[in-house]
PDB file of N, CA and C in Angstrom:
ATOM      1  N   MET A   1       5.034  18.179 -13.263  1.00  0.00           N
ATOM      2  CA  MET A   1       6.206  18.214 -12.425  1.00  0.00           C
ATOM      3  C   MET A   1       6.651  16.783 -12.119  1.00  0.00           C
ATOM      4  N   ALA A   2       7.922  16.524 -12.266  1.00  0.00           N
ATOM      5  CA  ALA A   2       8.482  15.197 -12.053  1.00  0.00           C
ATOM      6  C   ALA A   2       8.615  14.891 -10.561  1.00  0.00           C
ATOM      7  N   LEU A   3       8.475  13.620 -10.235  1.00  0.00           N
ATOM      8  CA  LEU A   3       8.670  13.138  -8.875  1.00  0.00           C
ATOM      9  C   LEU A   3      10.056  12.508  -8.843  1.00  0.00           C
ATOM     10  N   LYS A   4      10.930  13.024  -7.952  1.00  0.00           N
ATOM     11  CA  LYS A   4      12.312  12.554  -7.914  1.00  0.00           C
ATOM     12  C   LYS A   4      12.505  11.558  -6.777  1.00  0.00           C
ATOM     13  N   PHE A   5      13.284  10.512  -7.053  1.00  0.00           N
ATOM     14  CA  PHE A   5      13.535   9.440  -6.101  1.00  0.00           C
ATOM     15  C   PHE A   5      15.023   9.178  -5.964  1.00  0.00           C
ATOM     16  N   ARG A   6      15.377   8.718  -4.780  1.00  0.00           N
ATOM     17  CA  ARG A   6      16.720   8.195  -4.525  1.00  0.00           C
ATOM     18  C   ARG A   6      16.512   6.796  -3.956  1.00  0.00           C
ATOM     19  N   ILE A   7      17.045   5.805  -4.632  1.00  0.00           N
ATOM     20  CA  ILE A   7      16.902   4.416  -4.208  1.00  0.00           C
ATOM     21  C   ILE A   7      18.286   3.914  -3.799  1.00  0.00           C
ATOM     22  N   PRO A   8      18.444   3.547  -2.519  1.00  0.00           N
ATOM     23  CA  PRO A   8      19.751   3.054  -2.060  1.00  0.00           C
ATOM     24  C   PRO A   8      20.179   1.788  -2.811  1.00  0.00           C
ATOM     25  N   ALA A   9      21.466   1.512  -2.758  1.00  0.00           N
ATOM     26  CA  ALA A   9      22.024   0.315  -3.396  1.00  0.00           C
ATOM     27  C   ALA A   9      21.308  -0.931  -2.884  1.00  0.00           C
ATOM     28  N   GLY A  10      20.932  -1.804  -3.820  1.00  0.00           N
ATOM     29  CA  GLY A  10      20.296  -3.067  -3.464  1.00  0.00           C
ATOM     30  C   GLY A  10      18.813  -2.987  -3.155  1.00  0.00           C
ATOM     31  N   GLU A  11      18.245  -1.797  -3.045  1.00  0.00           N
ATOM     32  CA  GLU A  11      16.825  -1.680  -2.704  1.00  0.00           C
ATOM     33  C   GLU A  11      15.954  -1.888  -3.942  1.00  0.00           C
ATOM     34  N   LYS A  12      14.716  -2.344  -3.681  1.00  0.00           N
ATOM     35  CA  LYS A  12      13.758  -2.583  -4.752  1.00  0.00           C
ATOM     36  C   LYS A  12      12.632  -1.564  -4.672  1.00  0.00           C
ATOM     37  N   ILE A  13      12.036  -1.310  -5.829  1.00  0.00           N
ATOM     38  CA  ILE A  13      10.814  -0.515  -5.909  1.00  0.00           C
ATOM     39  C   ILE A  13       9.884  -1.220  -6.889  1.00  0.00           C
ATOM     40  N   VAL A  14       8.605  -0.926  -6.763  1.00  0.00           N
ATOM     41  CA  VAL A  14       7.610  -1.448  -7.690  1.00  0.00           C
ATOM     42  C   VAL A  14       7.040  -0.255  -8.440  1.00  0.00           C
ATOM     43  N   VAL A  15       7.060  -0.332  -9.760  1.00  0.00           N
ATOM     44  CA  VAL A  15       6.497   0.717 -10.612  1.00  0.00           C
ATOM     45  C   VAL A  15       5.483   0.052 -11.533  1.00  0.00           C
ATOM     46  N   ASN A  16       4.217   0.404 -11.352  1.00  0.00           N
ATOM     47  CA  ASN A  16       3.132  -0.179 -12.152  1.00  0.00           C
ATOM     48  C   ASN A  16       3.210  -1.706 -12.196  1.00  0.00           C
ATOM     49  N   GLY A  17       3.525  -2.309 -11.051  1.00  0.00           N
ATOM     50  CA  GLY A  17       3.557  -3.756 -10.951  1.00  0.00           C
ATOM     51  C   GLY A  17       4.886  -4.397 -11.302  1.00  0.00           C
ATOM     52  N   ALA A  18       5.796  -3.651 -11.895  1.00  0.00           N
ATOM     53  CA  ALA A  18       7.112  -4.194 -12.243  1.00  0.00           C
ATOM     54  C   ALA A  18       8.083  -3.935 -11.101  1.00  0.00           C
ATOM     55  N   VAL A  19       8.831  -4.958 -10.702  1.00  0.00           N
ATOM     56  CA  VAL A  19       9.813  -4.820  -9.632  1.00  0.00           C
ATOM     57  C   VAL A  19      11.144  -4.409 -10.257  1.00  0.00           C
ATOM     58  N   LEU A  20      11.669  -3.290  -9.764  1.00  0.00           N
ATOM     59  CA  LEU A  20      12.977  -2.812 -10.212  1.00  0.00           C
ATOM     60  C   LEU A  20      13.934  -2.897  -9.034  1.00  0.00           C
ATOM     61  N   THR A  21      15.131  -3.431  -9.266  1.00  0.00           N
ATOM     62  CA  THR A  21      16.145  -3.545  -8.226  1.00  0.00           C
ATOM     63  C   THR A  21      17.346  -2.707  -8.609  1.00  0.00           C
ATOM     64  N   ASN A  22      17.808  -1.909  -7.661  1.00  0.00           N
ATOM     65  CA  ASN A  22      19.031  -1.148  -7.883  1.00  0.00           C
ATOM     66  C   ASN A  22      20.196  -2.110  -7.680  1.00  0.00           C
ATOM     67  N   THR A  23      20.763  -2.603  -8.763  1.00  0.00           N
ATOM     68  CA  THR A  23      21.845  -3.578  -8.692  1.00  0.00           C
ATOM     69  C   THR A  23      23.216  -2.911  -8.566  1.00  0.00           C
ATOM     70  N   SER A  24      23.230  -1.606  -8.558  1.00  0.00           N
ATOM     71  CA  SER A  24      24.471  -0.863  -8.411  1.00  0.00           C
ATOM     72  C   SER A  24      24.923  -0.873  -6.955  1.00  0.00           C
ATOM     73  N   ASN A  25      26.190  -0.571  -6.732  1.00  0.00           N
ATOM     74  CA  ASN A  25      26.669  -0.423  -5.359  1.00  0.00           C
ATOM     75  C   ASN A  25      26.549   1.020  -4.887  1.00  0.00           C
ATOM     76  N   LYS A  26      25.875   1.824  -5.690  1.00  0.00           N
ATOM     77  CA  LYS A  26      25.620   3.231  -5.353  1.00  0.00           C
ATOM     78  C   LYS A  26      24.125   3.491  -5.388  1.00  0.00           C
ATOM     79  N   ALA A  27      23.707   4.565  -4.767  1.00  0.00           N
ATOM     80  CA  ALA A  27      22.304   4.964  -4.813  1.00  0.00           C
ATOM     81  C   ALA A  27      21.936   5.332  -6.250  1.00  0.00           C
ATOM     82  N   MET A  28      20.719   5.058  -6.607  1.00  0.00           N
ATOM     83  CA  MET A  28      20.210   5.352  -7.935  1.00  0.00           C
ATOM     84  C   MET A  28      19.268   6.561  -7.815  1.00  0.00           C
ATOM     85  N   HIS A  29      19.415   7.490  -8.685  1.00  0.00           N
ATOM     86  CA  HIS A  29      18.542   8.656  -8.716  1.00  0.00           C
ATOM     87  C   HIS A  29      17.747   8.617 -10.013  1.00  0.00           C
ATOM     88  N   PHE A  30      16.459   8.852  -9.908  1.00  0.00           N
ATOM     89  CA  PHE A  30      15.645   8.923 -11.117  1.00  0.00           C
ATOM     90  C   PHE A  30      14.450   9.823 -10.862  1.00  0.00           C
ATOM     91  N   SER A  31      13.821  10.222 -11.946  1.00  0.00           N
ATOM     92  CA  SER A  31      12.610  11.027 -11.819  1.00  0.00           C
ATOM     93  C   SER A  31      11.496  10.355 -12.615  1.00  0.00           C
ATOM     94  N   LEU A  32      10.328  10.432 -12.060  1.00  0.00           N
ATOM     95  CA  LEU A  32       9.145   9.862 -12.688  1.00  0.00           C
ATOM     96  C   LEU A  32       8.417  11.019 -13.362  1.00  0.00           C
ATOM     97  N   GLU A  33       8.269  10.936 -14.669  1.00  0.00           N
ATOM     98  CA  GLU A  33       7.757  12.058 -15.452  1.00  0.00           C
ATOM     99  C   GLU A  33       6.243  12.053 -15.631  1.00  0.00           C
ATOM    100  N   ASN A  34       5.584  10.927 -15.321  1.00  0.00           N
ATOM    101  CA  ASN A  34       4.131  10.866 -15.478  1.00  0.00           C
ATOM    102  C   ASN A  34       3.525  10.089 -14.313  1.00  0.00           C
ATOM    103  N   ASP A  35       2.211   9.929 -14.323  1.00  0.00           N
ATOM    104  CA  ASP A  35       1.541   9.215 -13.246  1.00  0.00           C
ATOM    105  C   ASP A  35       1.852   7.726 -13.324  1.00  0.00           C
ATOM    106  N   ALA A  36       2.149   7.142 -12.165  1.00  0.00           N
ATOM    107  CA  ALA A  36       2.413   5.709 -12.078  1.00  0.00           C
ATOM    108  C   ALA A  36       2.233   5.282 -10.630  1.00  0.00           C
ATOM    109  N   ALA A  37       1.889   4.023 -10.443  1.00  0.00           N
ATOM    110  CA  ALA A  37       1.815   3.448  -9.105  1.00  0.00           C
ATOM    111  C   ALA A  37       3.221   3.019  -8.720  1.00  0.00           C
ATOM    112  N   ILE A  38       3.740   3.594  -7.644  1.00  0.00           N
ATOM    113  CA  ILE A  38       5.105   3.298  -7.232  1.00  0.00           C
ATOM    114  C   ILE A  38       5.148   3.059  -5.725  1.00  0.00           C
ATOM    115  N   MET A  39       5.870   2.026  -5.330  1.00  0.00           N
ATOM    116  CA  MET A  39       6.055   1.724  -3.909  1.00  0.00           C
ATOM    117  C   MET A  39       7.501   1.346  -3.664  1.00  0.00           C
ATOM    118  N   ARG A  40       8.030   1.837  -2.562  1.00  0.00           N
ATOM    119  CA  ARG A  40       9.381   1.455  -2.145  1.00  0.00           C
ATOM    120  C   ARG A  40       9.316   0.134  -1.399  1.00  0.00           C
ATOM    121  N   GLU A  41      10.402  -0.587  -1.431  1.00  0.00           N
ATOM    122  CA  GLU A  41      10.483  -1.885  -0.765  1.00  0.00           C
ATOM    123  C   GLU A  41      10.086  -1.773   0.707  1.00  0.00           C
ATOM    124  N   ARG A  42      10.520  -0.725   1.373  1.00  0.00           N
ATOM    125  CA  ARG A  42      10.240  -0.582   2.811  1.00  0.00           C
ATOM    126  C   ARG A  42       8.752  -0.379   3.111  1.00  0.00           C
ATOM    127  N   ASP A  43       7.966   0.002   2.112  1.00  0.00           N
ATOM    128  CA  ASP A  43       6.528   0.216   2.299  1.00  0.00           C
ATOM    129  C   ASP A  43       5.688  -0.985   1.892  1.00  0.00           C
ATOM    130  N   ILE A  44       6.320  -1.997   1.318  1.00  0.00           N
ATOM    131  CA  ILE A  44       5.597  -3.171   0.844  1.00  0.00           C
ATOM    132  C   ILE A  44       5.434  -4.169   1.980  1.00  0.00           C
ATOM    133  N   LEU A  45       4.217  -4.611   2.168  1.00  0.00           N
ATOM    134  CA  LEU A  45       3.900  -5.608   3.184  1.00  0.00           C
ATOM    135  C   LEU A  45       3.707  -6.948   2.485  1.00  0.00           C
ATOM    136  N   LEU A  46       4.491  -7.928   2.863  1.00  0.00           N
ATOM    137  CA  LEU A  46       4.371  -9.267   2.289  1.00  0.00           C
ATOM    138  C   LEU A  46       3.290 -10.050   3.028  1.00  0.00           C
ATOM    139  N   PRO A  47       2.560 -10.914   2.316  1.00  0.00           N
ATOM    140  CA  PRO A  47       1.465 -11.669   2.952  1.00  0.00           C
ATOM    141  C   PRO A  47       1.900 -12.432   4.200  1.00  0.00           C
ATOM    142  N   GLU A  48       3.096 -12.981   4.182  1.00  0.00           N
ATOM    143  CA  GLU A  48       3.551 -13.760   5.342  1.00  0.00           C
ATOM    144  C   GLU A  48       3.862 -12.897   6.562  1.00  0.00           C
ATOM    145  N   ASN A  49       3.898 -11.581   6.388  1.00  0.00           N
ATOM    146  CA  ASN A  49       4.165 -10.674   7.508  1.00  0.00           C
ATOM    147  C   ASN A  49       2.903 -10.049   8.089  1.00  0.00           C
ATOM    148  N   VAL A  50       1.758 -10.382   7.534  1.00  0.00           N
ATOM    149  CA  VAL A  50       0.484  -9.840   8.034  1.00  0.00           C
ATOM    150  C   VAL A  50       0.149 -10.503   9.365  1.00  0.00           C
ATOM    151  N   VAL A  51      -0.074  -9.671  10.397  1.00  0.00           N
ATOM    152  CA  VAL A  51      -0.379 -10.172  11.723  1.00  0.00           C
ATOM    153  C   VAL A  51      -1.721  -9.641  12.229  1.00  0.00           C
ATOM    154  N   THR A  52      -2.022  -8.387  11.904  1.00  0.00           N
ATOM    155  CA  THR A  52      -3.227  -7.746  12.443  1.00  0.00           C
ATOM    156  C   THR A  52      -4.274  -7.537  11.353  1.00  0.00           C
ATOM    157  N   PRO A  53      -5.520  -7.311  11.744  1.00  0.00           N
ATOM    158  CA  PRO A  53      -6.567  -7.028  10.751  1.00  0.00           C
ATOM    159  C   PRO A  53      -6.272  -5.777   9.913  1.00  0.00           C
ATOM    160  N   LEU A  54      -5.703  -4.729  10.521  1.00  0.00           N
ATOM    161  CA  LEU A  54      -5.383  -3.528   9.735  1.00  0.00           C
ATOM    162  C   LEU A  54      -4.274  -3.810   8.727  1.00  0.00           C
ATOM    163  N   GLN A  55      -3.323  -4.635   9.095  1.00  0.00           N
ATOM    164  CA  GLN A  55      -2.280  -5.011   8.140  1.00  0.00           C
ATOM    165  C   GLN A  55      -2.871  -5.781   6.967  1.00  0.00           C
ATOM    166  N   ASN A  56      -3.872  -6.591   7.224  1.00  0.00           N
ATOM    167  CA  ASN A  56      -4.541  -7.324   6.153  1.00  0.00           C
ATOM    168  C   ASN A  56      -5.245  -6.367   5.194  1.00  0.00           C
ATOM    169  N   VAL A  57      -5.863  -5.336   5.748  1.00  0.00           N
ATOM    170  CA  VAL A  57      -6.482  -4.301   4.909  1.00  0.00           C
ATOM    171  C   VAL A  57      -5.404  -3.638   4.054  1.00  0.00           C
ATOM    172  N   TYR A  58      -4.285  -3.274   4.680  1.00  0.00           N
ATOM    173  CA  TYR A  58      -3.171  -2.642   3.972  1.00  0.00           C
ATOM    174  C   TYR A  58      -2.717  -3.524   2.804  1.00  0.00           C
ATOM    175  N   LEU A  59      -2.570  -4.824   3.063  1.00  0.00           N
ATOM    176  CA  LEU A  59      -2.118  -5.744   2.029  1.00  0.00           C
ATOM    177  C   LEU A  59      -3.001  -5.657   0.779  1.00  0.00           C
ATOM    178  N   TYR A  60      -4.315  -5.661   0.962  1.00  0.00           N
ATOM    179  CA  TYR A  60      -5.198  -5.665  -0.206  1.00  0.00           C
ATOM    180  C   TYR A  60      -5.293  -4.300  -0.881  1.00  0.00           C
ATOM    181  N   VAL A  61      -5.146  -3.229  -0.134  1.00  0.00           N
ATOM    182  CA  VAL A  61      -5.073  -1.906  -0.771  1.00  0.00           C
ATOM    183  C   VAL A  61      -3.796  -1.840  -1.603  1.00  0.00           C
ATOM    184  N   GLN A  62      -2.708  -2.326  -1.027  1.00  0.00           N
ATOM    185  CA  GLN A  62      -1.425  -2.364  -1.736  1.00  0.00           C
ATOM    186  C   GLN A  62      -1.545  -3.151  -3.038  1.00  0.00           C
ATOM    187  N   LEU A  63      -2.199  -4.299  -2.981  1.00  0.00           N
ATOM    188  CA  LEU A  63      -2.342  -5.122  -4.184  1.00  0.00           C
ATOM    189  C   LEU A  63      -3.210  -4.437  -5.232  1.00  0.00           C
ATOM    190  N   MET A  64      -4.276  -3.760  -4.819  1.00  0.00           N
ATOM    191  CA  MET A  64      -5.091  -3.027  -5.797  1.00  0.00           C
ATOM    192  C   MET A  64      -4.267  -1.917  -6.441  1.00  0.00           C
ATOM    193  N   TYR A  65      -3.382  -1.302  -5.650  1.00  0.00           N
ATOM    194  CA  TYR A  65      -2.555  -0.199  -6.133  1.00  0.00           C
ATOM    195  C   TYR A  65      -1.505  -0.665  -7.140  1.00  0.00           C
ATOM    196  N   ILE A  66      -0.807  -1.763  -6.821  1.00  0.00           N
ATOM    197  CA  ILE A  66       0.306  -2.163  -7.693  1.00  0.00           C
ATOM    198  C   ILE A  66      -0.061  -3.243  -8.712  1.00  0.00           C
ATOM    199  N   GLU A  67      -1.248  -3.862  -8.559  1.00  0.00           N
ATOM    200  CA  GLU A  67      -1.698  -4.877  -9.516  1.00  0.00           C
ATOM    201  C   GLU A  67      -3.104  -4.545 -10.023  1.00  0.00           C
ATOM    202  N   PRO A  68      -3.255  -3.455 -10.748  1.00  0.00           N
ATOM    203  CA  PRO A  68      -4.599  -3.057 -11.188  1.00  0.00           C
ATOM    204  C   PRO A  68      -5.281  -4.080 -12.091  1.00  0.00           C
ATOM    205  N   ASP A  69      -4.520  -4.936 -12.753  1.00  0.00           N
ATOM    206  CA  ASP A  69      -5.133  -5.952 -13.619  1.00  0.00           C
ATOM    207  C   ASP A  69      -5.926  -6.983 -12.823  1.00  0.00           C
ATOM    208  N   ASN A  70      -5.620  -7.137 -11.541  1.00  0.00           N
ATOM    209  CA  ASN A  70      -6.316  -8.089 -10.681  1.00  0.00           C
ATOM    210  C   ASN A  70      -7.234  -7.372  -9.687  1.00  0.00           C
ATOM    211  N   HIS A  71      -7.681  -6.194 -10.057  1.00  0.00           N
ATOM    212  CA  HIS A  71      -8.467  -5.363  -9.155  1.00  0.00           C
ATOM    213  C   HIS A  71      -9.701  -6.069  -8.606  1.00  0.00           C
ATOM    214  N   THR A  72     -10.430  -6.770  -9.450  1.00  0.00           N
ATOM    215  CA  THR A  72     -11.689  -7.382  -9.023  1.00  0.00           C
ATOM    216  C   THR A  72     -11.481  -8.359  -7.872  1.00  0.00           C
ATOM    217  N   SER A  73     -10.517  -9.248  -7.993  1.00  0.00           N
ATOM    218  CA  SER A  73     -10.295 -10.218  -6.905  1.00  0.00           C
ATOM    219  C   SER A  73      -9.702  -9.539  -5.682  1.00  0.00           C
ATOM    220  N   HIS A  74      -8.807  -8.574  -5.879  1.00  0.00           N
ATOM    221  CA  HIS A  74      -8.222  -7.855  -4.737  1.00  0.00           C
ATOM    222  C   HIS A  74      -9.284  -7.017  -4.020  1.00  0.00           C
ATOM    223  N   TYR A  75     -10.199  -6.442  -4.785  1.00  0.00           N
ATOM    224  CA  TYR A  75     -11.241  -5.609  -4.175  1.00  0.00           C
ATOM    225  C   TYR A  75     -12.161  -6.449  -3.295  1.00  0.00           C
ATOM    226  N   LYS A  76     -12.519  -7.626  -3.760  1.00  0.00           N
ATOM    227  CA  LYS A  76     -13.359  -8.520  -2.953  1.00  0.00           C
ATOM    228  C   LYS A  76     -12.641  -8.891  -1.657  1.00  0.00           C
ATOM    229  N   SER A  77     -11.368  -9.231  -1.754  1.00  0.00           N
ATOM    230  CA  SER A  77     -10.576  -9.563  -0.565  1.00  0.00           C
ATOM    231  C   SER A  77     -10.437  -8.350   0.352  1.00  0.00           C
ATOM    232  N   PHE A  78     -10.288  -7.165  -0.249  1.00  0.00           N
ATOM    233  CA  PHE A  78     -10.226  -5.938   0.545  1.00  0.00           C
ATOM    234  C   PHE A  78     -11.519  -5.738   1.328  1.00  0.00           C
ATOM    235  N   GLN A  79     -12.657  -5.914   0.665  1.00  0.00           N
ATOM    236  CA  GLN A  79     -13.941  -5.746   1.348  1.00  0.00           C
ATOM    237  C   GLN A  79     -14.053  -6.682   2.548  1.00  0.00           C
ATOM    238  N   ASP A  80     -13.664  -7.937   2.359  1.00  0.00           N
ATOM    239  CA  ASP A  80     -13.699  -8.908   3.453  1.00  0.00           C
ATOM    240  C   ASP A  80     -12.752  -8.494   4.581  1.00  0.00           C
ATOM    241  N   ALA A  81     -11.541  -8.047   4.216  1.00  0.00           N
ATOM    242  CA  ALA A  81     -10.551  -7.637   5.211  1.00  0.00           C
ATOM    243  C   ALA A  81     -11.012  -6.394   5.972  1.00  0.00           C
ATOM    244  N   ALA A  82     -11.602  -5.438   5.259  1.00  0.00           N
ATOM    245  CA  ALA A  82     -12.081  -4.207   5.914  1.00  0.00           C
ATOM    246  C   ALA A  82     -13.208  -4.524   6.884  1.00  0.00           C
ATOM    247  N   GLN A  83     -14.121  -5.393   6.481  1.00  0.00           N
ATOM    248  CA  GLN A  83     -15.220  -5.785   7.361  1.00  0.00           C
ATOM    249  C   GLN A  83     -14.672  -6.488   8.607  1.00  0.00           C
ATOM    250  N   ALA A  84     -13.720  -7.390   8.418  1.00  0.00           N
ATOM    251  CA  ALA A  84     -13.128  -8.110   9.552  1.00  0.00           C
ATOM    252  C   ALA A  84     -12.393  -7.149  10.487  1.00  0.00           C
ATOM    253  N   ALA A  85     -11.671  -6.186   9.916  1.00  0.00           N
ATOM    254  CA  ALA A  85     -10.948  -5.206  10.741  1.00  0.00           C
ATOM    255  C   ALA A  85     -11.923  -4.344  11.531  1.00  0.00           C
ATOM    256  N   PHE A  86     -12.992  -3.926  10.874  1.00  0.00           N
ATOM    257  CA  PHE A  86     -13.999  -3.085  11.544  1.00  0.00           C
ATOM    258  C   PHE A  86     -14.644  -3.855  12.696  1.00  0.00           C
ATOM    259  N   LEU A  87     -14.993  -5.104  12.449  1.00  0.00           N
ATOM    260  CA  LEU A  87     -15.683  -5.901  13.469  1.00  0.00           C
ATOM    261  C   LEU A  87     -14.747  -6.425  14.562  1.00  0.00           C
ATOM    262  N   SER A  88     -13.444  -6.416  14.309  1.00  0.00           N
ATOM    263  CA  SER A  88     -12.492  -6.969  15.278  1.00  0.00           C
ATOM    264  C   SER A  88     -12.144  -6.005  16.404  1.00  0.00           C
ATOM    265  N   THR A  89     -12.602  -4.759  16.293  1.00  0.00           N
ATOM    266  CA  THR A  89     -12.262  -3.773  17.313  1.00  0.00           C
ATOM    267  C   THR A  89     -13.496  -3.009  17.765  1.00  0.00           C
ATOM    268  N   ARG A  90     -13.425  -2.543  18.976  1.00  0.00           N
ATOM    269  CA  ARG A  90     -14.474  -1.653  19.496  1.00  0.00           C
ATOM    270  C   ARG A  90     -13.951  -0.218  19.586  1.00  0.00           C
ATOM    271  N   ASP A  91     -12.680  -0.034  19.216  1.00  0.00           N
ATOM    272  CA  ASP A  91     -12.047   1.275  19.267  1.00  0.00           C
ATOM    273  C   ASP A  91     -12.607   2.162  18.155  1.00  0.00           C
ATOM    274  N   ASP A  92     -13.229   3.272  18.545  1.00  0.00           N
ATOM    275  CA  ASP A  92     -13.837   4.169  17.554  1.00  0.00           C
ATOM    276  C   ASP A  92     -12.811   4.760  16.598  1.00  0.00           C
ATOM    277  N   GLY A  93     -11.604   5.028  17.083  1.00  0.00           N
ATOM    278  CA  GLY A  93     -10.563   5.587  16.219  1.00  0.00           C
ATOM    279  C   GLY A  93     -10.164   4.613  15.128  1.00  0.00           C
ATOM    280  N   GLU A  94      -9.981   3.360  15.507  1.00  0.00           N
ATOM    281  CA  GLU A  94      -9.596   2.340  14.524  1.00  0.00           C
ATOM    282  C   GLU A  94     -10.734   2.082  13.539  1.00  0.00           C
ATOM    283  N   ARG A  95     -11.947   2.059  14.052  1.00  0.00           N
ATOM    284  CA  ARG A  95     -13.089   1.889  13.145  1.00  0.00           C
ATOM    285  C   ARG A  95     -13.197   3.063  12.181  1.00  0.00           C
ATOM    286  N   GLY A  96     -12.899   4.255  12.677  1.00  0.00           N
ATOM    287  CA  GLY A  96     -12.908   5.446  11.817  1.00  0.00           C
ATOM    288  C   GLY A  96     -11.887   5.359  10.707  1.00  0.00           C
ATOM    289  N   ILE A  97     -10.724   4.812  11.028  1.00  0.00           N
ATOM    290  CA  ILE A  97      -9.677   4.640  10.022  1.00  0.00           C
ATOM    291  C   ILE A  97     -10.145   3.679   8.934  1.00  0.00           C
ATOM    292  N   VAL A  98     -10.735   2.567   9.349  1.00  0.00           N
ATOM    293  CA  VAL A  98     -11.244   1.596   8.371  1.00  0.00           C
ATOM    294  C   VAL A  98     -12.295   2.266   7.488  1.00  0.00           C
ATOM    295  N   PHE A  99     -13.185   3.034   8.101  1.00  0.00           N
ATOM    296  CA  PHE A  99     -14.233   3.722   7.350  1.00  0.00           C
ATOM    297  C   PHE A  99     -13.622   4.696   6.340  1.00  0.00           C
ATOM    298  N   GLU A 100     -12.613   5.473   6.776  1.00  0.00           N
ATOM    299  CA  GLU A 100     -11.950   6.427   5.868  1.00  0.00           C
ATOM    300  C   GLU A 100     -11.260   5.695   4.719  1.00  0.00           C
ATOM    301  N   VAL A 101     -10.596   4.590   5.039  1.00  0.00           N
ATOM    302  CA  VAL A 101      -9.892   3.831   4.004  1.00  0.00           C
ATOM    303  C   VAL A 101     -10.875   3.275   2.982  1.00  0.00           C
ATOM    304  N   VAL A 102     -12.007   2.788   3.445  1.00  0.00           N
ATOM    305  CA  VAL A 102     -13.036   2.284   2.521  1.00  0.00           C
ATOM    306  C   VAL A 102     -13.465   3.413   1.578  1.00  0.00           C
ATOM    307  N   GLY A 103     -13.632   4.606   2.109  1.00  0.00           N
ATOM    308  CA  GLY A 103     -13.999   5.750   1.273  1.00  0.00           C
ATOM    309  C   GLY A 103     -12.918   6.093   0.261  1.00  0.00           C
ATOM    310  N   LEU A 104     -11.663   6.096   0.696  1.00  0.00           N
ATOM    311  CA  LEU A 104     -10.557   6.403  -0.212  1.00  0.00           C
ATOM    312  C   LEU A 104     -10.436   5.354  -1.316  1.00  0.00           C
ATOM    313  N   VAL A 105     -10.631   4.087  -0.954  1.00  0.00           N
ATOM    314  CA  VAL A 105     -10.589   3.025  -1.964  1.00  0.00           C
ATOM    315  C   VAL A 105     -11.744   3.194  -2.945  1.00  0.00           C
ATOM    316  N   GLY A 106     -12.910   3.580  -2.437  1.00  0.00           N
ATOM    317  CA  GLY A 106     -14.052   3.842  -3.311  1.00  0.00           C
ATOM    318  C   GLY A 106     -13.770   4.933  -4.328  1.00  0.00           C
ATOM    319  N   GLU A 107     -12.915   5.880  -3.944  1.00  0.00           N
ATOM    320  CA  GLU A 107     -12.489   6.963  -4.846  1.00  0.00           C
ATOM    321  C   GLU A 107     -11.276   6.558  -5.686  1.00  0.00           C
ATOM    322  N   LYS A 108     -10.804   5.326  -5.488  1.00  0.00           N
ATOM    323  CA  LYS A 108      -9.598   4.797  -6.145  1.00  0.00           C
ATOM    324  C   LYS A 108      -8.352   5.598  -5.779  1.00  0.00           C
ATOM    325  N   ASN A 109      -8.357   6.145  -4.572  1.00  0.00           N
ATOM    326  CA  ASN A 109      -7.217   6.888  -4.061  1.00  0.00           C
ATOM    327  C   ASN A 109      -6.414   5.950  -3.150  1.00  0.00           C
ATOM    328  N   TYR A 110      -5.783   4.970  -3.770  1.00  0.00           N
ATOM    329  CA  TYR A 110      -5.074   3.929  -3.041  1.00  0.00           C
ATOM    330  C   TYR A 110      -3.868   4.478  -2.293  1.00  0.00           C
ATOM    331  N   TYR A 111      -3.183   5.416  -2.889  1.00  0.00           N
ATOM    332  CA  TYR A 111      -1.995   5.985  -2.259  1.00  0.00           C
ATOM    333  C   TYR A 111      -2.352   6.617  -0.913  1.00  0.00           C
ATOM    334  N   SER A 112      -3.399   7.421  -0.877  1.00  0.00           N
ATOM    335  CA  SER A 112      -3.812   8.057   0.382  1.00  0.00           C
ATOM    336  C   SER A 112      -4.291   7.024   1.394  1.00  0.00           C
ATOM    337  N   ALA A 113      -4.967   5.995   0.919  1.00  0.00           N
ATOM    338  CA  ALA A 113      -5.421   4.923   1.808  1.00  0.00           C
ATOM    339  C   ALA A 113      -4.217   4.215   2.433  1.00  0.00           C
ATOM    340  N   LEU A 114      -3.198   3.959   1.643  1.00  0.00           N
ATOM    341  CA  LEU A 114      -1.994   3.318   2.161  1.00  0.00           C
ATOM    342  C   LEU A 114      -1.300   4.198   3.200  1.00  0.00           C
ATOM    343  N   LYS A 115      -1.208   5.481   2.931  1.00  0.00           N
ATOM    344  CA  LYS A 115      -0.568   6.406   3.871  1.00  0.00           C
ATOM    345  C   LYS A 115      -1.331   6.442   5.197  1.00  0.00           C
ATOM    346  N   LYS A 116      -2.641   6.480   5.126  1.00  0.00           N
ATOM    347  CA  LYS A 116      -3.465   6.486   6.342  1.00  0.00           C
ATOM    348  C   LYS A 116      -3.236   5.209   7.136  1.00  0.00           C
ATOM    349  N   LEU A 117      -3.209   4.086   6.457  1.00  0.00           N
ATOM    350  CA  LEU A 117      -2.990   2.811   7.131  1.00  0.00           C
ATOM    351  C   LEU A 117      -1.574   2.696   7.695  1.00  0.00           C
ATOM    352  N   GLN A 118      -0.593   3.224   6.977  1.00  0.00           N
ATOM    353  CA  GLN A 118       0.785   3.177   7.467  1.00  0.00           C
ATOM    354  C   GLN A 118       0.906   3.861   8.826  1.00  0.00           C
ATOM    355  N   LYS A 119       0.282   5.004   8.968  1.00  0.00           N
ATOM    356  CA  LYS A 119       0.322   5.727  10.240  1.00  0.00           C
ATOM    357  C   LYS A 119      -0.293   4.896  11.358  1.00  0.00           C
ATOM    358  N   SER A 120      -1.404   4.266  11.080  1.00  0.00           N
ATOM    359  CA  SER A 120      -2.098   3.464  12.100  1.00  0.00           C
ATOM    360  C   SER A 120      -1.333   2.195  12.426  1.00  0.00           C
ATOM    361  N   ILE A 121      -0.792   1.550  11.416  1.00  0.00           N
ATOM    362  CA  ILE A 121      -0.064   0.301  11.624  1.00  0.00           C
ATOM    363  C   ILE A 121       1.209   0.545  12.425  1.00  0.00           C
ATOM    364  N   SER A 122       1.861   1.668  12.195  1.00  0.00           N
ATOM    365  CA  SER A 122       3.106   1.953  12.926  1.00  0.00           C
ATOM    366  C   SER A 122       2.834   2.172  14.406  1.00  0.00           C
ATOM    367  N   LEU A 123       1.590   2.502  14.770  1.00  0.00           N
ATOM    368  CA  LEU A 123       1.223   2.704  16.168  1.00  0.00           C
ATOM    369  C   LEU A 123       0.847   1.402  16.866  1.00  0.00           C
ATOM    370  N   GLU A 124       0.639   0.345  16.080  1.00  0.00           N
ATOM    371  CA  GLU A 124       0.228  -0.942  16.677  1.00  0.00           C
ATOM    372  C   GLU A 124       1.382  -1.596  17.427  1.00  0.00           C
TER     373      GLU A 124
END
């Protein structure tokens, strides 16, 4: 089953590490016919916008998801970020989120890890 997208004019998406920009003045509609790593511009966290430990975890999960060729270095950075996030809080809920994300990354389920982190980050 195809995954259908609508990308507003001027918005960017990342598909398997390639950045695509809708250069039209109209929304672009497309369908993805097979498995691919895809992120919308609004879901991408830039390194210069990282403020919290959970955002740092998100950044490295995002990089493992959209840059699989650099997985080894991103995974090491993710491990460091997850440890720092876990140790930076005494909140059991936040620690639980970090623990769940580590498990999802271990399963290479980056998309679910990103979704879990998005919910937590939006509450910060």
